């Protein structure tokens, strides 16, 4: 959750907030962590929510942050049709990048 006051927040780069807090994620400074990541319900400021379209399930919506990271990585890699891709790890991000890198042309290496 971005502070809204630092340089990065004021320039629209809230993902780089200097004073941000993450729910359920350990950080190097105790003040940057909020318990509750595995809670059934969590209260957060409305500005931190992403509305889902009615046709998007909560399960699918839970991958939005991961998917954004993967799309960014694929764009930065400037993948071209016919290129091979090697993916390390079979976690959520590894599986997503393996699937998305198949389209529109690059194939993951096995």
PDB file of N, CA and C in Angstrom:
ATOM      1  N   UNK A   1       0.854  -1.163   0.000  1.00  0.00           N
ATOM      2  CA  UNK A   1       0.000   0.000   0.000  1.00  0.00           C
ATOM      3  C   UNK A   1       0.903   1.230   0.000  1.00  0.00           C
ATOM      4  N   UNK A   2       0.789   2.021  -1.026  1.00  0.00           N
ATOM      5  CA  UNK A   2       1.630   3.198  -1.192  1.00  0.00           C
ATOM      6  C   UNK A   2       1.243   4.302  -0.217  1.00  0.00           C
ATOM      7  N   UNK A   3       2.241   5.110   0.173  1.00  0.00           N
ATOM      8  CA  UNK A   3       2.000   6.178   1.148  1.00  0.00           C
ATOM      9  C   UNK A   3       1.267   7.372   0.541  1.00  0.00           C
ATOM     10  N   UNK A   4       1.505   7.626  -0.754  1.00  0.00           N
ATOM     11  CA  UNK A   4       0.867   8.749  -1.416  1.00  0.00           C
ATOM     12  C   UNK A   4       1.595  10.069  -1.272  1.00  0.00           C
ATOM     13  N   UNK A   5       2.710  10.093  -0.535  1.00  0.00           N
ATOM     14  CA  UNK A   5       3.390  11.353  -0.247  1.00  0.00           C
ATOM     15  C   UNK A   5       4.820  11.440  -0.773  1.00  0.00           C
ATOM     16  N   UNK A   6       5.482  10.306  -0.961  1.00  0.00           N
ATOM     17  CA  UNK A   6       6.884  10.341  -1.388  1.00  0.00           C
ATOM     18  C   UNK A   6       6.987  10.727  -2.872  1.00  0.00           C
ATOM     19  N   UNK A   7       8.196  10.946  -3.345  1.00  0.00           N
ATOM     20  CA  UNK A   7       8.447  11.339  -4.731  1.00  0.00           C
ATOM     21  C   UNK A   7       7.810  10.362  -5.717  1.00  0.00           C
ATOM     22  N   UNK A   8       8.006   9.059  -5.478  1.00  0.00           N
ATOM     23  CA  UNK A   8       7.493   8.068  -6.412  1.00  0.00           C
ATOM     24  C   UNK A   8       5.970   8.065  -6.457  1.00  0.00           C
ATOM     25  N   UNK A   9       5.331   8.177  -5.315  1.00  0.00           N
ATOM     26  CA  UNK A   9       3.864   8.238  -5.290  1.00  0.00           C
ATOM     27  C   UNK A   9       3.359   9.462  -6.042  1.00  0.00           C
ATOM     28  N   UNK A  10       3.998  10.597  -5.822  1.00  0.00           N
ATOM     29  CA  UNK A  10       3.556  11.836  -6.461  1.00  0.00           C
ATOM     30  C   UNK A  10       3.799  11.840  -7.968  1.00  0.00           C
ATOM     31  N   UNK A  11       4.693  10.976  -8.454  1.00  0.00           N
ATOM     32  CA  UNK A  11       4.951  10.902  -9.892  1.00  0.00           C
ATOM     33  C   UNK A  11       4.292   9.681 -10.532  1.00  0.00           C
ATOM     34  N   UNK A  12       3.359   9.045  -9.798  1.00  0.00           N
ATOM     35  CA  UNK A  12       2.593   7.937 -10.357  1.00  0.00           C
ATOM     36  C   UNK A  12       3.291   6.589 -10.346  1.00  0.00           C
ATOM     37  N   UNK A  13       4.417   6.491  -9.672  1.00  0.00           N
ATOM     38  CA  UNK A  13       5.159   5.222  -9.608  1.00  0.00           C
ATOM     39  C   UNK A  13       4.982   4.589  -8.228  1.00  0.00           C
ATOM     40  N   UNK A  14       3.730   4.337  -7.875  1.00  0.00           N
ATOM     41  CA  UNK A  14       3.426   3.851  -6.532  1.00  0.00           C
ATOM     42  C   UNK A  14       4.044   2.485  -6.234  1.00  0.00           C
ATOM     43  N   UNK A  15       4.381   1.728  -7.273  1.00  0.00           N
ATOM     44  CA  UNK A  15       5.032   0.432  -7.047  1.00  0.00           C
ATOM     45  C   UNK A  15       6.445   0.603  -6.499  1.00  0.00           C
ATOM     46  N   UNK A  16       6.994   1.818  -6.541  1.00  0.00           N
ATOM     47  CA  UNK A  16       8.328   2.088  -6.020  1.00  0.00           C
ATOM     48  C   UNK A  16       8.289   2.941  -4.750  1.00  0.00           C
ATOM     49  N   UNK A  17       7.129   3.028  -4.133  1.00  0.00           N
ATOM     50  CA  UNK A  17       6.940   3.842  -2.938  1.00  0.00           C
ATOM     51  C   UNK A  17       8.017   3.557  -1.886  1.00  0.00           C
ATOM     52  N   UNK A  18       8.563   4.629  -1.335  1.00  0.00           N
ATOM     53  CA  UNK A  18       9.618   4.501  -0.328  1.00  0.00           C
ATOM     54  C   UNK A  18       9.084   4.111   1.038  1.00  0.00           C
ATOM     55  N   UNK A  19       7.798   4.334   1.268  1.00  0.00           N
ATOM     56  CA  UNK A  19       7.206   4.068   2.571  1.00  0.00           C
ATOM     57  C   UNK A  19       6.063   3.067   2.499  1.00  0.00           C
ATOM     58  N   UNK A  20       5.992   2.332   1.421  1.00  0.00           N
ATOM     59  CA  UNK A  20       4.886   1.417   1.199  1.00  0.00           C
ATOM     60  C   UNK A  20       4.868   0.256   2.177  1.00  0.00           C
ATOM     61  N   UNK A  21       3.692  -0.338   2.322  1.00  0.00           N
ATOM     62  CA  UNK A  21       3.522  -1.495   3.191  1.00  0.00           C
ATOM     63  C   UNK A  21       2.898  -2.625   2.386  1.00  0.00           C
ATOM     64  N   UNK A  22       3.268  -3.841   2.729  1.00  0.00           N
ATOM     65  CA  UNK A  22       2.740  -5.013   2.044  1.00  0.00           C
ATOM     66  C   UNK A  22       2.084  -5.916   3.072  1.00  0.00           C
ATOM     67  N   UNK A  23       0.864  -6.330   2.785  1.00  0.00           N
ATOM     68  CA  UNK A  23       0.152  -7.215   3.712  1.00  0.00           C
ATOM     69  C   UNK A  23       0.701  -8.626   3.599  1.00  0.00           C
ATOM     70  N   UNK A  24       1.124  -9.174   4.739  1.00  0.00           N
ATOM     71  CA  UNK A  24       1.574 -10.554   4.799  1.00  0.00           C
ATOM     72  C   UNK A  24       2.907 -10.822   4.149  1.00  0.00           C
ATOM     73  N   UNK A  25       3.731  -9.809   3.952  1.00  0.00           N
ATOM     74  CA  UNK A  25       5.034  -9.992   3.312  1.00  0.00           C
ATOM     75  C   UNK A  25       6.106  -9.423   4.215  1.00  0.00           C
ATOM     76  N   UNK A  26       7.083 -10.228   4.560  1.00  0.00           N
ATOM     77  CA  UNK A  26       8.169  -9.753   5.414  1.00  0.00           C
ATOM     78  C   UNK A  26       9.062  -8.809   4.629  1.00  0.00           C
ATOM     79  N   UNK A  27       9.435  -7.733   5.235  1.00  0.00           N
ATOM     80  CA  UNK A  27      10.350  -6.772   4.623  1.00  0.00           C
ATOM     81  C   UNK A  27      11.521  -6.556   5.561  1.00  0.00           C
ATOM     82  N   UNK A  28      12.532  -5.843   5.093  1.00  0.00           N
ATOM     83  CA  UNK A  28      13.732  -5.652   5.898  1.00  0.00           C
ATOM     84  C   UNK A  28      13.473  -4.795   7.130  1.00  0.00           C
ATOM     85  N   UNK A  29      12.493  -3.913   7.076  1.00  0.00           N
ATOM     86  CA  UNK A  29      12.171  -3.055   8.208  1.00  0.00           C
ATOM     87  C   UNK A  29      10.825  -3.471   8.777  1.00  0.00           C
ATOM     88  N   UNK A  30      10.750  -3.674  10.055  1.00  0.00           N
ATOM     89  CA  UNK A  30       9.521  -4.157  10.702  1.00  0.00           C
ATOM     90  C   UNK A  30       8.333  -3.255  10.403  1.00  0.00           C
ATOM     91  N   UNK A  31       8.547  -1.963  10.269  1.00  0.00           N
ATOM     92  CA  UNK A  31       7.463  -1.031  10.038  1.00  0.00           C
ATOM     93  C   UNK A  31       6.800  -1.170   8.680  1.00  0.00           C
ATOM     94  N   UNK A  32       7.382  -1.942   7.785  1.00  0.00           N
ATOM     95  CA  UNK A  32       6.850  -2.080   6.436  1.00  0.00           C
ATOM     96  C   UNK A  32       6.000  -3.326   6.272  1.00  0.00           C
ATOM     97  N   UNK A  33       5.759  -4.065   7.334  1.00  0.00           N
ATOM     98  CA  UNK A  33       5.015  -5.317   7.227  1.00  0.00           C
ATOM     99  C   UNK A  33       3.692  -5.217   7.966  1.00  0.00           C
ATOM    100  N   UNK A  34       2.657  -5.726   7.357  1.00  0.00           N
ATOM    101  CA  UNK A  34       1.346  -5.816   7.986  1.00  0.00           C
ATOM    102  C   UNK A  34       0.932  -7.278   7.988  1.00  0.00           C
ATOM    103  N   UNK A  35       0.592  -7.806   9.141  1.00  0.00           N
ATOM    104  CA  UNK A  35       0.131  -9.185   9.202  1.00  0.00           C
ATOM    105  C   UNK A  35      -1.210  -9.309   8.496  1.00  0.00           C
ATOM    106  N   UNK A  36      -1.538 -10.526   8.071  1.00  0.00           N
ATOM    107  CA  UNK A  36      -2.859 -10.778   7.520  1.00  0.00           C
ATOM    108  C   UNK A  36      -2.902 -11.359   6.130  1.00  0.00           C
ATOM    109  N   UNK A  37      -1.771 -11.674   5.533  1.00  0.00           N
ATOM    110  CA  UNK A  37      -1.754 -12.179   4.169  1.00  0.00           C
ATOM    111  C   UNK A  37      -2.521 -13.472   3.969  1.00  0.00           C
ATOM    112  N   UNK A  38      -2.608 -14.305   5.004  1.00  0.00           N
ATOM    113  CA  UNK A  38      -3.332 -15.560   4.864  1.00  0.00           C
ATOM    114  C   UNK A  38      -4.698 -15.517   5.546  1.00  0.00           C
ATOM    115  N   UNK A  39      -5.151 -14.345   5.916  1.00  0.00           N
ATOM    116  CA  UNK A  39      -6.457 -14.198   6.552  1.00  0.00           C
ATOM    117  C   UNK A  39      -7.573 -14.440   5.542  1.00  0.00           C
ATOM    118  N   UNK A  40      -8.703 -14.884   6.039  1.00  0.00           N
ATOM    119  CA  UNK A  40      -9.847 -15.081   5.151  1.00  0.00           C
ATOM    120  C   UNK A  40     -10.349 -13.745   4.616  1.00  0.00           C
ATOM    121  N   UNK A  41     -10.306 -12.723   5.445  1.00  0.00           N
ATOM    122  CA  UNK A  41     -10.678 -11.372   5.022  1.00  0.00           C
ATOM    123  C   UNK A  41      -9.626 -10.392   5.515  1.00  0.00           C
ATOM    124  N   UNK A  42      -9.420  -9.330   4.750  1.00  0.00           N
ATOM    125  CA  UNK A  42      -8.434  -8.304   5.084  1.00  0.00           C
ATOM    126  C   UNK A  42      -9.034  -6.951   4.740  1.00  0.00           C
ATOM    127  N   UNK A  43      -8.836  -5.970   5.601  1.00  0.00           N
ATOM    128  CA  UNK A  43      -9.320  -4.617   5.349  1.00  0.00           C
ATOM    129  C   UNK A  43      -8.166  -3.796   4.777  1.00  0.00           C
ATOM    130  N   UNK A  44      -8.408  -3.179   3.617  1.00  0.00           N
ATOM    131  CA  UNK A  44      -7.396  -2.325   2.983  1.00  0.00           C
ATOM    132  C   UNK A  44      -8.089  -1.060   2.484  1.00  0.00           C
ATOM    133  N   UNK A  45      -7.319   0.008   2.271  1.00  0.00           N
ATOM    134  CA  UNK A  45      -7.918   1.231   1.713  1.00  0.00           C
ATOM    135  C   UNK A  45      -8.498   0.956   0.322  1.00  0.00           C
ATOM    136  N   UNK A  46      -9.619   1.583   0.002  1.00  0.00           N
ATOM    137  CA  UNK A  46     -10.281   1.382  -1.291  1.00  0.00           C
ATOM    138  C   UNK A  46      -9.360   1.709  -2.460  1.00  0.00           C
ATOM    139  N   UNK A  47      -8.458   2.675  -2.283  1.00  0.00           N
ATOM    140  CA  UNK A  47      -7.563   3.060  -3.389  1.00  0.00           C
ATOM    141  C   UNK A  47      -6.615   1.930  -3.777  1.00  0.00           C
ATOM    142  N   UNK A  48      -6.474   0.928  -2.924  1.00  0.00           N
ATOM    143  CA  UNK A  48      -5.583  -0.191  -3.213  1.00  0.00           C
ATOM    144  C   UNK A  48      -6.301  -1.361  -3.877  1.00  0.00           C
ATOM    145  N   UNK A  49      -7.575  -1.214  -4.150  1.00  0.00           N
ATOM    146  CA  UNK A  49      -8.338  -2.301  -4.743  1.00  0.00           C
ATOM    147  C   UNK A  49      -8.428  -2.152  -6.258  1.00  0.00           C
ATOM    148  N   UNK A  50      -8.489  -3.284  -6.933  1.00  0.00           N
ATOM    149  CA  UNK A  50      -8.685  -3.302  -8.378  1.00  0.00           C
ATOM    150  C   UNK A  50     -10.046  -3.939  -8.627  1.00  0.00           C
ATOM    151  N   UNK A  51     -11.005  -3.182  -9.150  1.00  0.00           N
ATOM    152  CA  UNK A  51     -12.318  -3.773  -9.396  1.00  0.00           C
ATOM    153  C   UNK A  51     -12.232  -4.844 -10.485  1.00  0.00           C
ATOM    154  N   UNK A  52     -12.918  -5.946 -10.276  1.00  0.00           N
ATOM    155  CA  UNK A  52     -12.963  -7.013 -11.263  1.00  0.00           C
ATOM    156  C   UNK A  52     -14.267  -6.916 -12.049  1.00  0.00           C
ATOM    157  N   UNK A  53     -14.185  -7.191 -13.328  1.00  0.00           N
ATOM    158  CA  UNK A  53     -15.404  -7.262 -14.139  1.00  0.00           C
ATOM    159  C   UNK A  53     -16.253  -8.414 -13.615  1.00  0.00           C
ATOM    160  N   UNK A  54     -17.539  -8.335 -13.827  1.00  0.00           N
ATOM    161  CA  UNK A  54     -18.448  -9.365 -13.321  1.00  0.00           C
ATOM    162  C   UNK A  54     -18.101 -10.760 -13.817  1.00  0.00           C
ATOM    163  N   UNK A  55     -17.532 -10.874 -15.009  1.00  0.00           N
ATOM    164  CA  UNK A  55     -17.220 -12.190 -15.573  1.00  0.00           C
ATOM    165  C   UNK A  55     -15.868 -12.753 -15.091  1.00  0.00           C
ATOM    166  N   UNK A  56     -15.118 -11.990 -14.279  1.00  0.00           N
ATOM    167  CA  UNK A  56     -13.821 -12.452 -13.772  1.00  0.00           C
ATOM    168  C   UNK A  56     -14.004 -13.009 -12.368  1.00  0.00           C
ATOM    169  N   UNK A  57     -13.619 -14.266 -12.184  1.00  0.00           N
ATOM    170  CA  UNK A  57     -13.756 -14.906 -10.870  1.00  0.00           C
ATOM    171  C   UNK A  57     -12.697 -14.373  -9.911  1.00  0.00           C
ATOM    172  N   UNK A  58     -12.928 -14.555  -8.618  1.00  0.00           N
ATOM    173  CA  UNK A  58     -11.934 -14.153  -7.628  1.00  0.00           C
ATOM    174  C   UNK A  58     -10.639 -14.937  -7.826  1.00  0.00           C
ATOM    175  N   UNK A  59     -10.763 -16.209  -8.209  1.00  0.00           N
ATOM    176  CA  UNK A  59      -9.572 -17.037  -8.438  1.00  0.00           C
ATOM    177  C   UNK A  59      -8.738 -16.477  -9.583  1.00  0.00           C
ATOM    178  N   UNK A  60      -9.383 -16.139 -10.691  1.00  0.00           N
ATOM    179  CA  UNK A  60      -8.661 -15.558 -11.823  1.00  0.00           C
ATOM    180  C   UNK A  60      -8.105 -14.184 -11.452  1.00  0.00           C
ATOM    181  N   UNK A  61      -8.885 -13.398 -10.721  1.00  0.00           N
ATOM    182  CA  UNK A  61      -8.449 -12.071 -10.311  1.00  0.00           C
ATOM    183  C   UNK A  61      -7.229 -12.090  -9.407  1.00  0.00           C
ATOM    184  N   UNK A  62      -7.055 -13.191  -8.681  1.00  0.00           N
ATOM    185  CA  UNK A  62      -5.906 -13.271  -7.776  1.00  0.00           C
ATOM    186  C   UNK A  62      -4.576 -13.341  -8.522  1.00  0.00           C
ATOM    187  N   UNK A  63      -4.612 -13.562  -9.827  1.00  0.00           N
ATOM    188  CA  UNK A  63      -3.383 -13.631 -10.621  1.00  0.00           C
ATOM    189  C   UNK A  63      -3.037 -12.316 -11.306  1.00  0.00           C
ATOM    190  N   UNK A  64      -3.819 -11.272 -11.075  1.00  0.00           N
ATOM    191  CA  UNK A  64      -3.581 -10.008 -11.772  1.00  0.00           C
ATOM    192  C   UNK A  64      -2.172  -9.480 -11.523  1.00  0.00           C
ATOM    193  N   UNK A  65      -1.735  -9.437 -10.282  1.00  0.00           N
ATOM    194  CA  UNK A  65      -0.398  -8.909  -9.987  1.00  0.00           C
ATOM    195  C   UNK A  65       0.681  -9.774 -10.638  1.00  0.00           C
ATOM    196  N   UNK A  66       0.533 -11.099 -10.529  1.00  0.00           N
ATOM    197  CA  UNK A  66       1.504 -11.992 -11.155  1.00  0.00           C
ATOM    198  C   UNK A  66       1.527 -11.786 -12.665  1.00  0.00           C
ATOM    199  N   UNK A  67       0.358 -11.701 -13.248  1.00  0.00           N
ATOM    200  CA  UNK A  67       0.262 -11.563 -14.695  1.00  0.00           C
ATOM    201  C   UNK A  67       0.902 -10.262 -15.171  1.00  0.00           C
ATOM    202  N   UNK A  68       0.720  -9.193 -14.427  1.00  0.00           N
ATOM    203  CA  UNK A  68       1.355  -7.923 -14.775  1.00  0.00           C
ATOM    204  C   UNK A  68       2.869  -8.038 -14.778  1.00  0.00           C
ATOM    205  N   UNK A  69       3.409  -8.743 -13.805  1.00  0.00           N
ATOM    206  CA  UNK A  69       4.855  -8.954 -13.728  1.00  0.00           C
ATOM    207  C   UNK A  69       5.343  -9.745 -14.936  1.00  0.00           C
ATOM    208  N   UNK A  70       4.611 -10.781 -15.309  1.00  0.00           N
ATOM    209  CA  UNK A  70       4.994 -11.632 -16.426  1.00  0.00           C
ATOM    210  C   UNK A  70       4.925 -10.880 -17.749  1.00  0.00           C
ATOM    211  N   UNK A  71       3.847 -10.150 -17.968  1.00  0.00           N
ATOM    212  CA  UNK A  71       3.714  -9.380 -19.210  1.00  0.00           C
ATOM    213  C   UNK A  71       4.853  -8.374 -19.310  1.00  0.00           C
ATOM    214  N   UNK A  72       5.185  -7.726 -18.216  1.00  0.00           N
ATOM    215  CA  UNK A  72       6.303  -6.777 -18.195  1.00  0.00           C
ATOM    216  C   UNK A  72       7.611  -7.481 -18.558  1.00  0.00           C
ATOM    217  N   UNK A  73       7.848  -8.654 -17.982  1.00  0.00           N
ATOM    218  CA  UNK A  73       9.082  -9.402 -18.262  1.00  0.00           C
ATOM    219  C   UNK A  73       9.155  -9.809 -19.731  1.00  0.00           C
ATOM    220  N   UNK A  74       8.053 -10.285 -20.272  1.00  0.00           N
ATOM    221  CA  UNK A  74       8.042 -10.705 -21.679  1.00  0.00           C
ATOM    222  C   UNK A  74       8.290  -9.511 -22.596  1.00  0.00           C
ATOM    223  N   UNK A  75       7.701  -8.379 -22.282  1.00  0.00           N
ATOM    224  CA  UNK A  75       7.933  -7.179 -23.096  1.00  0.00           C
ATOM    225  C   UNK A  75       9.387  -6.725 -23.014  1.00  0.00           C
ATOM    226  N   UNK A  76       9.948  -6.750 -21.803  1.00  0.00           N
ATOM    227  CA  UNK A  76      11.354  -6.331 -21.642  1.00  0.00           C
ATOM    228  C   UNK A  76      12.307  -7.266 -22.363  1.00  0.00           C
ATOM    229  N   UNK A  77      11.951  -8.546 -22.424  1.00  0.00           N
ATOM    230  CA  UNK A  77      12.814  -9.524 -23.095  1.00  0.00           C
ATOM    231  C   UNK A  77      12.758  -9.376 -24.611  1.00  0.00           C
ATOM    232  N   UNK A  78      11.792  -8.637 -25.119  1.00  0.00           N
ATOM    233  CA  UNK A  78      11.625  -8.418 -26.559  1.00  0.00           C
ATOM    234  C   UNK A  78      11.635  -9.741 -27.324  1.00  0.00           C
ATOM    235  N   UNK A  79      10.814 -10.675 -26.849  1.00  0.00           N
ATOM    236  CA  UNK A  79      10.738 -11.985 -27.479  1.00  0.00           C
ATOM    237  C   UNK A  79      10.233 -11.861 -28.908  1.00  0.00           C
ATOM    238  N   UNK A  80      10.827 -12.640 -29.779  1.00  0.00           N
ATOM    239  CA  UNK A  80      10.450 -12.664 -31.186  1.00  0.00           C
ATOM    240  C   UNK A  80      10.024 -14.070 -31.574  1.00  0.00           C
ATOM    241  N   UNK A  81       9.138 -14.213 -32.557  1.00  0.00           N
ATOM    242  CA  UNK A  81       8.738 -15.542 -33.010  1.00  0.00           C
ATOM    243  C   UNK A  81       9.959 -16.395 -33.356  1.00  0.00           C
ATOM    244  N   UNK A  82       9.931 -17.629 -32.913  1.00  0.00           N
ATOM    245  CA  UNK A  82      11.029 -18.557 -33.184  1.00  0.00           C
ATOM    246  C   UNK A  82      12.081 -18.611 -32.094  1.00  0.00           C
ATOM    247  N   UNK A  83      12.073 -17.649 -31.168  1.00  0.00           N
ATOM    248  CA  UNK A  83      13.043 -17.662 -30.074  1.00  0.00           C
ATOM    249  C   UNK A  83      12.692 -18.760 -29.082  1.00  0.00           C
ATOM    250  N   UNK A  84      13.725 -19.308 -28.449  1.00  0.00           N
ATOM    251  CA  UNK A  84      13.513 -20.273 -27.372  1.00  0.00           C
ATOM    252  C   UNK A  84      13.526 -19.539 -26.050  1.00  0.00           C
ATOM    253  N   UNK A  85      12.779 -20.069 -25.095  1.00  0.00           N
ATOM    254  CA  UNK A  85      12.681 -19.460 -23.776  1.00  0.00           C
ATOM    255  C   UNK A  85      12.972 -20.531 -22.738  1.00  0.00           C
ATOM    256  N   UNK A  86      13.845 -20.222 -21.795  1.00  0.00           N
ATOM    257  CA  UNK A  86      14.135 -21.128 -20.693  1.00  0.00           C
ATOM    258  C   UNK A  86      13.543 -20.520 -19.433  1.00  0.00           C
ATOM    259  N   UNK A  87      12.673 -21.263 -18.762  1.00  0.00           N
ATOM    260  CA  UNK A  87      12.018 -20.783 -17.553  1.00  0.00           C
ATOM    261  C   UNK A  87      12.540 -21.583 -16.372  1.00  0.00           C
ATOM    262  N   UNK A  88      13.061 -20.897 -15.373  1.00  0.00           N
ATOM    263  CA  UNK A  88      13.503 -21.532 -14.138  1.00  0.00           C
ATOM    264  C   UNK A  88      12.382 -21.429 -13.118  1.00  0.00           C
ATOM    265  N   UNK A  89      11.976 -22.532 -12.547  1.00  0.00           N
ATOM    266  CA  UNK A  89      10.966 -22.517 -11.495  1.00  0.00           C
ATOM    267  C   UNK A  89       9.587 -22.857 -12.018  1.00  0.00           C
ATOM    268  N   UNK A  90       8.847 -23.591 -11.195  1.00  0.00           N
ATOM    269  CA  UNK A  90       7.498 -23.983 -11.586  1.00  0.00           C
ATOM    270  C   UNK A  90       6.455 -23.404 -10.637  1.00  0.00           C
ATOM    271  N   UNK A  91       6.790 -22.271 -10.028  1.00  0.00           N
ATOM    272  CA  UNK A  91       5.806 -21.572  -9.208  1.00  0.00           C
ATOM    273  C   UNK A  91       4.808 -20.880 -10.111  1.00  0.00           C
ATOM    274  N   UNK A  92       3.940 -20.086  -9.515  1.00  0.00           N
ATOM    275  CA  UNK A  92       2.890 -19.408 -10.284  1.00  0.00           C
ATOM    276  C   UNK A  92       3.479 -18.581 -11.423  1.00  0.00           C
ATOM    277  N   UNK A  93       4.506 -17.779 -11.135  1.00  0.00           N
ATOM    278  CA  UNK A  93       5.089 -16.943 -12.181  1.00  0.00           C
ATOM    279  C   UNK A  93       5.780 -17.775 -13.249  1.00  0.00           C
ATOM    280  N   UNK A  94       6.482 -18.834 -12.861  1.00  0.00           N
ATOM    281  CA  UNK A  94       7.147 -19.690 -13.833  1.00  0.00           C
ATOM    282  C   UNK A  94       6.160 -20.345 -14.780  1.00  0.00           C
ATOM    283  N   UNK A  95       5.065 -20.845 -14.234  1.00  0.00           N
ATOM    284  CA  UNK A  95       4.044 -21.478 -15.071  1.00  0.00           C
ATOM    285  C   UNK A  95       3.372 -20.461 -16.000  1.00  0.00           C
ATOM    286  N   UNK A  96       3.087 -19.272 -15.466  1.00  0.00           N
ATOM    287  CA  UNK A  96       2.470 -18.242 -16.302  1.00  0.00           C
ATOM    288  C   UNK A  96       3.393 -17.807 -17.433  1.00  0.00           C
ATOM    289  N   UNK A  97       4.659 -17.597 -17.132  1.00  0.00           N
ATOM    290  CA  UNK A  97       5.575 -17.141 -18.189  1.00  0.00           C
ATOM    291  C   UNK A  97       5.793 -18.236 -19.225  1.00  0.00           C
ATOM    292  N   UNK A  98       5.799 -19.500 -18.799  1.00  0.00           N
ATOM    293  CA  UNK A  98       5.938 -20.594 -19.761  1.00  0.00           C
ATOM    294  C   UNK A  98       4.754 -20.604 -20.721  1.00  0.00           C
ATOM    295  N   UNK A  99       3.547 -20.404 -20.199  1.00  0.00           N
ATOM    296  CA  UNK A  99       2.360 -20.407 -21.055  1.00  0.00           C
ATOM    297  C   UNK A  99       2.312 -19.175 -21.956  1.00  0.00           C
ATOM    298  N   UNK A 100       2.547 -18.010 -21.388  1.00  0.00           N
ATOM    299  CA  UNK A 100       2.420 -16.784 -22.174  1.00  0.00           C
ATOM    300  C   UNK A 100       3.541 -16.617 -23.178  1.00  0.00           C
ATOM    301  N   UNK A 101       4.698 -17.191 -22.903  1.00  0.00           N
ATOM    302  CA  UNK A 101       5.801 -17.048 -23.853  1.00  0.00           C
ATOM    303  C   UNK A 101       5.565 -17.871 -25.118  1.00  0.00           C
ATOM    304  N   UNK A 102       4.603 -18.788 -25.082  1.00  0.00           N
ATOM    305  CA  UNK A 102       4.264 -19.574 -26.273  1.00  0.00           C
ATOM    306  C   UNK A 102       3.521 -18.739 -27.314  1.00  0.00           C
ATOM    307  N   UNK A 103       2.970 -17.625 -26.894  1.00  0.00           N
ATOM    308  CA  UNK A 103       2.165 -16.796 -27.782  1.00  0.00           C
ATOM    309  C   UNK A 103       2.846 -15.451 -27.946  1.00  0.00           C
ATOM    310  N   UNK A 104       3.011 -14.931 -29.084  1.00  0.00           N
ATOM    311  CA  UNK A 104       2.586 -15.379 -30.395  1.00  0.00           C
ATOM    312  C   UNK A 104       3.631 -16.190 -31.129  1.00  0.00           C
ATOM    313  N   UNK A 105       4.719 -16.635 -30.493  1.00  0.00           N
ATOM    314  CA  UNK A 105       5.675 -17.409 -31.260  1.00  0.00           C
ATOM    315  C   UNK A 105       6.772 -18.073 -30.457  1.00  0.00           C
ATOM    316  N   UNK A 106       7.394 -17.417 -29.475  1.00  0.00           N
ATOM    317  CA  UNK A 106       8.512 -18.039 -28.774  1.00  0.00           C
ATOM    318  C   UNK A 106       8.077 -19.310 -28.059  1.00  0.00           C
ATOM    319  N   UNK A 107       8.925 -20.304 -28.027  1.00  0.00           N
ATOM    320  CA  UNK A 107       8.613 -21.580 -27.387  1.00  0.00           C
ATOM    321  C   UNK A 107       9.526 -21.785 -26.190  1.00  0.00           C
ATOM    322  N   UNK A 108       8.991 -22.171 -25.039  1.00  0.00           N
ATOM    323  CA  UNK A 108       9.838 -22.438 -23.884  1.00  0.00           C
ATOM    324  C   UNK A 108      10.737 -23.641 -24.136  1.00  0.00           C
ATOM    325  N   UNK A 109      11.952 -23.593 -23.621  1.00  0.00           N
ATOM    326  CA  UNK A 109      12.858 -24.739 -23.695  1.00  0.00           C
ATOM    327  C   UNK A 109      12.465 -25.718 -22.613  1.00  0.00           C
ATOM    328  N   UNK A 110      12.663 -26.993 -22.829  1.00  0.00           N
ATOM    329  CA  UNK A 110      12.322 -27.984 -21.797  1.00  0.00           C
ATOM    330  C   UNK A 110      13.560 -28.454 -21.080  1.00  0.00           C
TER     331      UNK A 110
END
